[in-house]
């Protein structure tokens, strides 16, 4: 296994960029959804499929790439995923019906999912469990910038060049990353694992689910992701129809969310050597529950300003920033031989549950902020409960 020092800062940035492609390509289209609806003369629900089905495509992509990379290596599978992303982006640009656009988005998202899985697997190939948590925290803090900024970038592109331009930008970015990756990324898989088809892949997942510890970590990660995706799915509508603020204010308040997450990642990186992984996960998950609970209390006592919503959620996301990299690293570390499969299954659970939550938030919306906050509170509590039931705080990682 390569020594952890071989994972240079430039390689971490490259892995972060690849990881950001999937979420970035998904979120960059958010400001353009009304324009897409008008352009193709379809309902809001149909236009929303360009988002929800792309989330599901990422989920299934994460499920497939892990086992394939365990057999064929990280680099060739990463290259294939990026090529699929480029093809899907070009397909979206030329789509002249909503059906073709949705199909292109599925292809684009499926390809973009490769970085979410393999970046973490590469880190685990190179680093040990405790070190992997700190490197993943660094990676996540770098990669979070593009997806968080992509809605603003998409809005500017839509206004200046039309909504189709976002796909050209994603194709160009994917091509640049592909070329750099071909030149710079070493193969980190030392001992390939035989892959004998879908049945073998499913058996690997079954074996992972048999591990109580893996389930504890994986579902902790899953419900932390549900908190975030529920919020970004509903918050723009709440700003306009509940808080009666202009749409452009959403971007200013939303800055608090990535800042909270990156601050949590900073804590995860710099205190990772002092505390065990499980202590960090427990701390972060507890802060997450407290932040959402505070948001509900502020609403109940009559504080209905945007700051009373975004500041407590930013606190919760700060906790999530501590929990997420540590729980991801711990889940993968449970079965080092199947790091790709473990990373893929964890990513699938994240995106599949988050896709369902994003649609459910729209269904239960009643003109107030409470359905969203209650869903986020339930997800936060479940992340902590899953961790405590599956792992607790006594196990050393």
Protein backbone atom coordinates (compact mmCIF):
# COMPACT_ATOMS: atom_id res chain seq x y z
CA UNK A 1 0.00 0.00 0.00
CA UNK A 2 1.40 3.46 -0.84
CA UNK A 3 2.42 5.60 2.10
CA UNK A 4 0.09 8.44 3.05
CA UNK A 5 2.76 11.02 2.22
CA UNK A 6 2.39 10.09 -1.44
CA UNK A 7 -1.08 11.70 -1.43
CA UNK A 8 0.07 15.20 -2.37
CA UNK A 9 -1.94 18.37 -1.99
CA UNK A 10 -2.32 18.62 -5.77
CA UNK A 11 -3.72 15.11 -5.89
CA UNK A 12 -6.18 15.93 -3.11
CA UNK A 13 -7.35 18.94 -5.10
CA UNK A 14 -7.75 16.74 -8.20
CA UNK A 15 -9.78 14.18 -6.24
CA UNK A 16 -11.87 16.99 -4.78
CA UNK A 17 -12.59 18.36 -8.26
CA UNK A 18 -13.68 14.94 -9.53
CA UNK A 19 -15.84 14.46 -6.43
CA UNK A 20 -17.53 17.82 -7.00
CA UNK A 21 -18.56 17.07 -10.59
CA UNK A 22 -21.57 14.93 -9.68
CA UNK A 23 -23.14 17.25 -7.09
CA UNK A 24 -22.03 20.30 -9.08
CA UNK A 25 -23.68 19.16 -12.30
CA UNK A 26 -26.83 18.34 -10.33
CA UNK A 27 -27.10 21.70 -8.53
CA UNK A 28 -25.92 24.01 -11.31
CA UNK A 29 -29.26 23.63 -13.06
CA UNK A 30 -31.40 24.66 -10.05
CA UNK A 31 -31.80 28.35 -11.03
CA UNK A 32 -32.74 27.30 -14.57
CA UNK A 33 -35.68 25.05 -13.64
CA UNK A 34 -38.31 27.78 -14.19
CA UNK A 35 -36.77 28.61 -17.57
CA UNK A 36 -36.73 24.93 -18.53
CA UNK A 37 -40.38 24.62 -17.53
CA UNK A 38 -41.30 27.56 -19.73
CA UNK A 39 -39.04 26.50 -22.58
CA UNK A 40 -40.61 23.05 -22.89
CA UNK A 41 -44.08 24.08 -21.66
CA UNK A 42 -44.21 21.41 -18.94
CA UNK A 43 -45.42 21.34 -15.35
CA UNK A 44 -43.24 22.01 -12.33
CA UNK A 45 -43.29 18.33 -11.37
CA UNK A 46 -42.01 17.26 -14.79
CA UNK A 47 -39.26 19.88 -14.79
CA UNK A 48 -38.30 18.73 -11.30
CA UNK A 49 -37.44 15.31 -12.74
CA UNK A 50 -34.26 16.83 -14.18
CA UNK A 51 -33.15 17.16 -10.55
CA UNK A 52 -34.65 14.16 -8.76
CA UNK A 53 -33.80 11.59 -11.43
CA UNK A 54 -30.25 12.90 -11.65
CA UNK A 55 -29.95 12.31 -7.90
CA UNK A 56 -31.12 8.74 -8.38
CA UNK A 57 -28.66 8.32 -11.26
CA UNK A 58 -25.86 9.40 -8.93
CA UNK A 59 -27.13 6.88 -6.38
CA UNK A 60 -27.00 3.97 -8.83
CA UNK A 61 -23.69 5.18 -10.23
CA UNK A 62 -22.10 5.07 -6.80
CA UNK A 63 -23.42 1.54 -6.42
CA UNK A 64 -21.78 0.33 -9.64
CA UNK A 65 -18.41 2.07 -9.66
CA UNK A 66 -17.13 0.72 -6.35
CA UNK A 67 -17.11 -3.01 -7.16
CA UNK A 68 -15.84 -2.35 -10.70
CA UNK A 69 -12.94 -0.33 -9.32
CA UNK A 70 -12.13 -3.07 -6.80
CA UNK A 71 -11.42 -5.37 -9.76
CA UNK A 72 -10.23 -3.17 -12.61
CA UNK A 73 -8.53 -0.39 -10.67
CA UNK A 74 -9.44 3.13 -9.64
CA UNK A 75 -7.94 5.04 -12.56
CA UNK A 76 -9.55 3.27 -15.55
CA UNK A 77 -13.00 3.37 -13.96
CA UNK A 78 -12.51 7.05 -13.10
CA UNK A 79 -11.64 7.76 -16.75
CA UNK A 80 -14.74 5.92 -17.99
CA UNK A 81 -16.96 7.85 -15.58
CA UNK A 82 -15.61 11.20 -16.76
CA UNK A 83 -16.12 10.27 -20.42
CA UNK A 84 -19.75 9.38 -19.62
CA UNK A 85 -20.13 12.78 -17.90
CA UNK A 86 -18.86 14.60 -21.00
CA UNK A 87 -21.18 12.63 -23.31
CA UNK A 88 -24.18 13.32 -21.06
CA UNK A 89 -23.40 17.05 -20.87
CA UNK A 90 -23.19 17.36 -24.66
CA UNK A 91 -26.40 15.35 -25.03
CA UNK A 92 -28.17 17.77 -22.66
CA UNK A 93 -26.98 20.78 -24.64
CA UNK A 94 -28.57 19.51 -27.85
CA UNK A 95 -31.75 18.14 -26.22
CA UNK A 96 -34.85 19.65 -27.87
CA UNK A 97 -37.49 17.91 -25.75
CA UNK A 98 -37.89 17.54 -22.00
CA UNK A 99 -37.63 13.75 -22.36
CA UNK A 100 -34.24 14.00 -24.06
CA UNK A 101 -33.08 16.54 -21.49
CA UNK A 102 -34.04 14.25 -18.62
CA UNK A 103 -32.28 11.34 -20.34
CA UNK A 104 -29.15 13.42 -20.83
CA UNK A 105 -29.22 14.53 -17.19
CA UNK A 106 -29.40 10.89 -16.09
CA UNK A 107 -26.35 10.01 -18.22
CA UNK A 108 -24.46 13.10 -17.03
CA UNK A 109 -25.18 12.40 -13.36
CA UNK A 110 -24.38 8.70 -13.66
CA UNK A 111 -20.95 9.55 -15.02
CA UNK A 112 -20.36 12.29 -12.47
CA UNK A 113 -20.98 9.87 -9.61
CA UNK A 114 -17.61 8.20 -10.23
CA UNK A 115 -15.69 10.81 -8.24
CA UNK A 116 -17.89 10.53 -5.19
CA UNK A 117 -17.01 6.86 -4.81
CA UNK A 118 -13.46 6.54 -6.05
CA UNK A 119 -11.95 9.62 -4.42
CA UNK A 120 -12.76 8.16 -1.01
CA UNK A 121 -11.59 4.70 -2.08
CA UNK A 122 -8.28 6.15 -3.32
CA UNK A 123 -7.77 7.92 0.00
CA UNK A 124 -8.42 4.64 1.81
CA UNK A 125 -5.97 2.84 -0.50
CA UNK A 126 -3.25 5.28 0.43
CA UNK A 127 -4.02 6.14 4.06
CA UNK A 128 -4.85 4.29 7.27
CA UNK A 129 -8.19 4.67 9.03
CA UNK A 130 -7.41 7.64 11.32
CA UNK A 131 -5.34 9.41 8.65
CA UNK A 132 -8.04 8.71 6.04
CA UNK A 133 -10.61 10.59 8.12
CA UNK A 134 -8.39 13.69 8.19
CA UNK A 135 -7.60 13.50 4.46
CA UNK A 136 -11.27 12.98 3.57
CA UNK A 137 -12.12 16.00 5.71
CA UNK A 138 -9.62 18.04 3.71
CA UNK A 139 -10.95 16.63 0.44
CA UNK A 140 -14.56 17.34 1.38
CA UNK A 141 -13.77 20.90 2.45
CA UNK A 142 -12.15 21.58 -0.94
CA UNK A 143 -14.80 19.80 -3.01
CA UNK A 144 -17.75 21.45 -1.25
CA UNK A 145 -17.00 24.84 -2.84
CA UNK A 146 -18.01 23.99 -6.42
CA UNK A 147 -21.40 22.39 -5.65
CA UNK A 148 -22.25 25.19 -3.21
CA UNK A 149 -21.32 27.85 -5.76
CA UNK A 150 -22.78 26.08 -8.77
CA UNK A 151 -26.35 27.46 -8.39
CA UNK A 152 -24.96 31.01 -8.47
CA UNK A 153 -22.78 30.13 -11.46
CA UNK A 154 -25.76 28.51 -13.17
CA UNK A 155 -27.87 31.61 -12.57
CA UNK A 156 -25.27 33.89 -14.12
CA UNK A 157 -24.81 31.61 -17.12
CA UNK A 158 -28.57 31.36 -17.61
CA UNK A 159 -29.00 35.15 -17.60
CA UNK A 160 -26.06 35.86 -19.88
CA UNK A 161 -25.91 32.86 -22.23
CA UNK A 162 -29.11 30.85 -21.78
CA UNK A 163 -29.74 27.79 -19.61
CA UNK A 164 -28.19 25.41 -22.16
CA UNK A 165 -24.79 27.02 -21.56
CA UNK A 166 -24.42 25.26 -18.20
CA UNK A 167 -23.95 21.97 -20.03
CA UNK A 168 -21.13 23.30 -22.18
CA UNK A 169 -19.40 24.57 -19.04
CA UNK A 170 -19.77 21.15 -17.37
CA UNK A 171 -18.45 19.40 -20.50
CA UNK A 172 -15.41 21.68 -20.64
CA UNK A 173 -14.67 21.30 -16.91
CA UNK A 174 -15.04 17.52 -17.16
CA UNK A 175 -12.67 17.41 -20.14
CA UNK A 176 -10.02 19.45 -18.32
CA UNK A 177 -10.25 17.24 -15.24
CA UNK A 178 -10.08 14.14 -17.43
CA UNK A 179 -6.87 15.27 -19.12
CA UNK A 180 -5.23 16.19 -15.81
CA UNK A 181 -6.34 12.90 -14.28
CA UNK A 182 -4.92 10.81 -17.15
CA UNK A 183 -1.57 12.51 -16.68
CA UNK A 184 -1.37 12.81 -12.90
CA UNK A 185 -3.43 10.15 -11.12
CA UNK A 186 -1.50 7.00 -10.13
CA UNK A 187 -3.19 3.64 -9.75
CA UNK A 188 -3.63 3.07 -6.00
CA UNK A 189 -5.30 -0.35 -5.98
CA UNK A 190 -2.66 -2.87 -4.95
CA UNK A 191 -4.65 -6.09 -4.69
CA UNK A 192 -7.57 -6.33 -7.17
CA UNK A 193 -10.66 -8.19 -5.94
CA UNK A 194 -12.31 -10.66 -8.36
CA UNK A 195 -15.65 -9.43 -9.69
CA UNK A 196 -17.95 -12.10 -11.03
CA UNK A 197 -20.98 -10.10 -12.07
CA UNK A 198 -24.02 -8.54 -10.47
CA UNK A 199 -24.65 -11.50 -8.17
CA UNK A 200 -21.15 -11.20 -6.73
CA UNK A 201 -21.61 -7.45 -6.31
CA UNK A 202 -24.90 -7.94 -4.46
CA UNK A 203 -23.29 -10.53 -2.21
CA UNK A 204 -20.58 -8.03 -1.32
CA UNK A 205 -23.28 -5.55 -0.35
CA UNK A 206 -25.08 -8.21 1.70
CA UNK A 207 -21.86 -8.93 3.57
CA UNK A 208 -21.42 -5.23 4.26
CA UNK A 209 -24.97 -4.97 5.60
CA UNK A 210 -24.25 -7.88 7.95
CA UNK A 211 -21.74 -5.67 9.73
CA UNK A 212 -23.49 -3.76 12.50
CA UNK A 213 -20.66 -1.23 12.61
CA UNK A 214 -20.76 -0.59 8.86
CA UNK A 215 -24.53 -0.05 9.00
CA UNK A 216 -24.12 2.34 11.91
CA UNK A 217 -21.59 4.47 10.06
CA UNK A 218 -23.28 4.24 6.64
CA UNK A 219 -26.76 5.21 7.84
CA UNK A 220 -25.29 7.97 9.98
CA UNK A 221 -23.77 9.39 6.77
CA UNK A 222 -27.06 8.80 4.92
CA UNK A 223 -29.27 10.79 7.28
CA UNK A 224 -26.72 13.59 7.57
CA UNK A 225 -27.00 13.93 3.78
CA UNK A 226 -30.81 13.89 4.00
CA UNK A 227 -30.63 16.93 6.28
CA UNK A 228 -28.66 18.92 3.71
CA UNK A 229 -30.56 17.91 0.58
CA UNK A 230 -33.93 18.44 2.25
CA UNK A 231 -32.89 21.98 3.06
CA UNK A 232 -31.53 22.94 -0.35
CA UNK A 233 -34.65 21.47 -1.99
CA UNK A 234 -37.10 23.53 0.05
CA UNK A 235 -35.25 26.65 1.21
CA UNK A 236 -35.56 28.67 -2.05
CA UNK A 237 -39.34 28.24 -2.08
CA UNK A 238 -39.58 29.04 1.64
CA UNK A 239 -37.63 32.27 1.16
CA UNK A 240 -40.13 33.47 -1.43
CA UNK A 241 -43.51 32.12 -0.33
CA UNK A 242 -43.10 31.86 3.45
CA UNK A 243 -40.57 34.54 4.40
CA UNK A 244 -41.65 36.85 1.54
CA UNK A 245 -38.14 37.75 0.45
CA UNK A 246 -36.89 38.25 -3.13
CA UNK A 247 -35.18 35.20 -4.69
CA UNK A 248 -31.76 36.87 -4.90
CA UNK A 249 -31.57 37.11 -1.09
CA UNK A 250 -31.46 33.33 -0.89
CA UNK A 251 -27.93 33.30 -2.30
CA UNK A 252 -26.67 35.73 0.33
CA UNK A 253 -28.12 33.80 3.26
CA UNK A 254 -27.12 30.47 1.74
CA UNK A 255 -23.44 31.44 2.05
CA UNK A 256 -23.81 30.61 5.75
CA UNK A 257 -24.43 26.94 4.93
CA UNK A 258 -21.16 26.12 3.12
CA UNK A 259 -19.26 28.23 5.65
CA UNK A 260 -20.77 26.15 8.44
CA UNK A 261 -19.91 22.92 6.67
CA UNK A 262 -16.34 23.96 5.89
CA UNK A 263 -15.86 25.09 9.49
CA UNK A 264 -16.96 21.66 10.66
CA UNK A 265 -14.51 20.08 8.23
CA UNK A 266 -11.77 22.31 9.64
CA UNK A 267 -12.53 21.03 13.13
CA UNK A 268 -12.55 17.44 11.85
CA UNK A 269 -9.11 17.88 10.29
CA UNK A 270 -7.38 19.76 13.09
CA UNK A 271 -8.79 17.87 16.05
CA UNK A 272 -8.75 14.45 14.39
CA UNK A 273 -5.45 13.52 16.05
CA UNK A 274 -6.66 14.42 19.54
CA UNK A 275 -9.93 12.55 19.50
CA UNK A 276 -11.00 9.15 18.20
CA UNK A 277 -13.20 8.98 15.12
CA UNK A 278 -16.24 7.83 17.09
CA UNK A 279 -15.94 10.74 19.51
CA UNK A 280 -15.87 13.16 16.59
CA UNK A 281 -18.90 11.53 14.97
CA UNK A 282 -20.87 11.65 18.21
CA UNK A 283 -19.98 15.31 18.77
CA UNK A 284 -20.93 16.33 15.24
CA UNK A 285 -24.20 14.41 15.23
CA UNK A 286 -25.22 15.93 18.57
CA UNK A 287 -24.50 19.45 17.29
CA UNK A 288 -26.59 18.63 14.21
CA UNK A 289 -29.62 17.71 16.31
CA UNK A 290 -29.17 20.81 18.47
CA UNK A 291 -29.00 23.16 15.49
CA UNK A 292 -32.26 21.96 13.95
CA UNK A 293 -33.98 21.95 17.36
CA UNK A 294 -32.88 25.57 17.83
CA UNK A 295 -34.35 26.51 14.43
CA UNK A 296 -37.72 25.04 15.43
CA UNK A 297 -37.69 26.86 18.79
CA UNK A 298 -36.93 30.20 17.12
CA UNK A 299 -39.84 29.72 14.73
CA UNK A 300 -42.20 28.76 17.57
CA UNK A 301 -41.37 31.89 19.59
CA UNK A 302 -42.02 34.12 16.59
CA UNK A 303 -38.66 34.75 14.94
CA UNK A 304 -39.61 34.36 11.28
CA UNK A 305 -36.69 36.22 9.71
CA UNK A 306 -34.33 34.41 7.33
CA UNK A 307 -31.45 34.68 9.81
CA UNK A 308 -33.49 32.69 12.36
CA UNK A 309 -33.70 29.85 9.82
CA UNK A 310 -30.29 29.94 8.18
CA UNK A 311 -28.11 30.53 11.28
CA UNK A 312 -29.35 27.46 13.24
CA UNK A 313 -29.21 25.33 10.10
CA UNK A 314 -25.64 26.54 9.55
CA UNK A 315 -24.88 25.37 13.11
CA UNK A 316 -26.39 21.97 12.31
CA UNK A 317 -24.37 21.79 9.09
CA UNK A 318 -21.27 22.69 11.11
CA UNK A 319 -21.93 19.52 13.10
CA UNK A 320 -22.50 17.62 9.86
CA UNK A 321 -19.13 18.82 8.63
CA UNK A 322 -17.53 17.11 11.63
CA UNK A 323 -19.59 13.93 11.31
CA UNK A 324 -19.53 13.30 7.58
CA UNK A 325 -15.81 12.77 6.79
CA UNK A 326 -15.24 10.75 9.95
CA UNK A 327 -18.26 8.49 9.40
CA UNK A 328 -17.41 8.03 5.71
CA UNK A 329 -13.84 7.06 6.52
CA UNK A 330 -14.96 4.70 9.30
CA UNK A 331 -17.52 2.98 7.05
CA UNK A 332 -14.91 2.35 4.37
CA UNK A 333 -12.33 1.27 6.92
CA UNK A 334 -14.54 -1.54 8.22
CA UNK A 335 -13.64 -3.63 5.13
CA UNK A 336 -10.39 -2.30 3.62
CA UNK A 337 -10.35 -5.10 1.04
CA UNK A 338 -13.71 -3.89 -0.28
CA UNK A 339 -13.09 -0.16 0.06
CA UNK A 340 -14.63 0.55 -3.36
CA UNK A 341 -17.77 -1.47 -2.62
CA UNK A 342 -18.15 0.07 0.83
CA UNK A 343 -17.71 3.57 -0.56
CA UNK A 344 -20.15 2.84 -3.40
CA UNK A 345 -22.83 1.45 -1.10
CA UNK A 346 -22.47 4.37 1.30
CA UNK A 347 -22.79 6.83 -1.60
CA UNK A 348 -25.85 4.99 -2.93
CA UNK A 349 -27.60 5.20 0.42
CA UNK A 350 -26.77 8.91 0.68
CA UNK A 351 -28.15 9.86 -2.71
CA UNK A 352 -31.12 7.46 -2.82
CA UNK A 353 -32.47 8.55 0.56
CA UNK A 354 -31.75 12.20 -0.27
CA UNK A 355 -33.60 11.94 -3.61
CA UNK A 356 -36.68 10.57 -1.83
CA UNK A 357 -36.41 13.27 0.83
CA UNK A 358 -36.15 16.03 -1.79
CA UNK A 359 -39.42 14.91 -3.38
CA UNK A 360 -41.10 14.32 -0.02
CA UNK A 361 -40.32 17.86 1.12
CA UNK A 362 -42.25 19.19 -1.88
CA UNK A 363 -45.19 16.88 -1.15
CA UNK A 364 -45.55 17.80 2.54
CA UNK A 365 -44.96 21.54 2.09
CA UNK A 366 -47.95 23.37 3.61
CA UNK A 367 -46.96 27.00 3.31
CA UNK A 368 -44.91 27.01 6.52
CA UNK A 369 -41.34 26.12 7.47
CA UNK A 370 -42.35 23.40 9.95
CA UNK A 371 -42.61 20.36 7.63
CA UNK A 372 -39.06 20.98 6.42
CA UNK A 373 -37.65 21.51 9.90
CA UNK A 374 -39.43 18.47 11.32
CA UNK A 375 -38.06 16.29 8.52
CA UNK A 376 -34.58 17.67 9.12
CA UNK A 377 -34.90 17.07 12.87
CA UNK A 378 -36.04 13.47 12.33
CA UNK A 379 -33.12 12.87 9.95
CA UNK A 380 -30.64 14.42 12.42
CA UNK A 381 -31.93 12.27 15.27
CA UNK A 382 -31.80 9.17 13.06
CA UNK A 383 -28.17 9.87 12.14
CA UNK A 384 -27.25 9.93 15.83
CA UNK A 385 -29.41 6.93 16.71
CA UNK A 386 -28.02 4.80 13.85
CA UNK A 387 -24.50 5.60 14.93
CA UNK A 388 -25.15 4.83 18.60
CA UNK A 389 -26.98 1.58 17.86
CA UNK A 390 -24.48 0.38 15.29
CA UNK A 391 -21.24 1.56 16.82
CA UNK A 392 -21.60 3.52 20.05
CA UNK A 393 -18.63 5.46 21.36
CA UNK A 394 -16.65 2.65 22.88
CA UNK A 395 -15.17 1.11 19.73
CA UNK A 396 -11.77 2.36 18.68
CA UNK A 397 -11.14 2.93 14.98
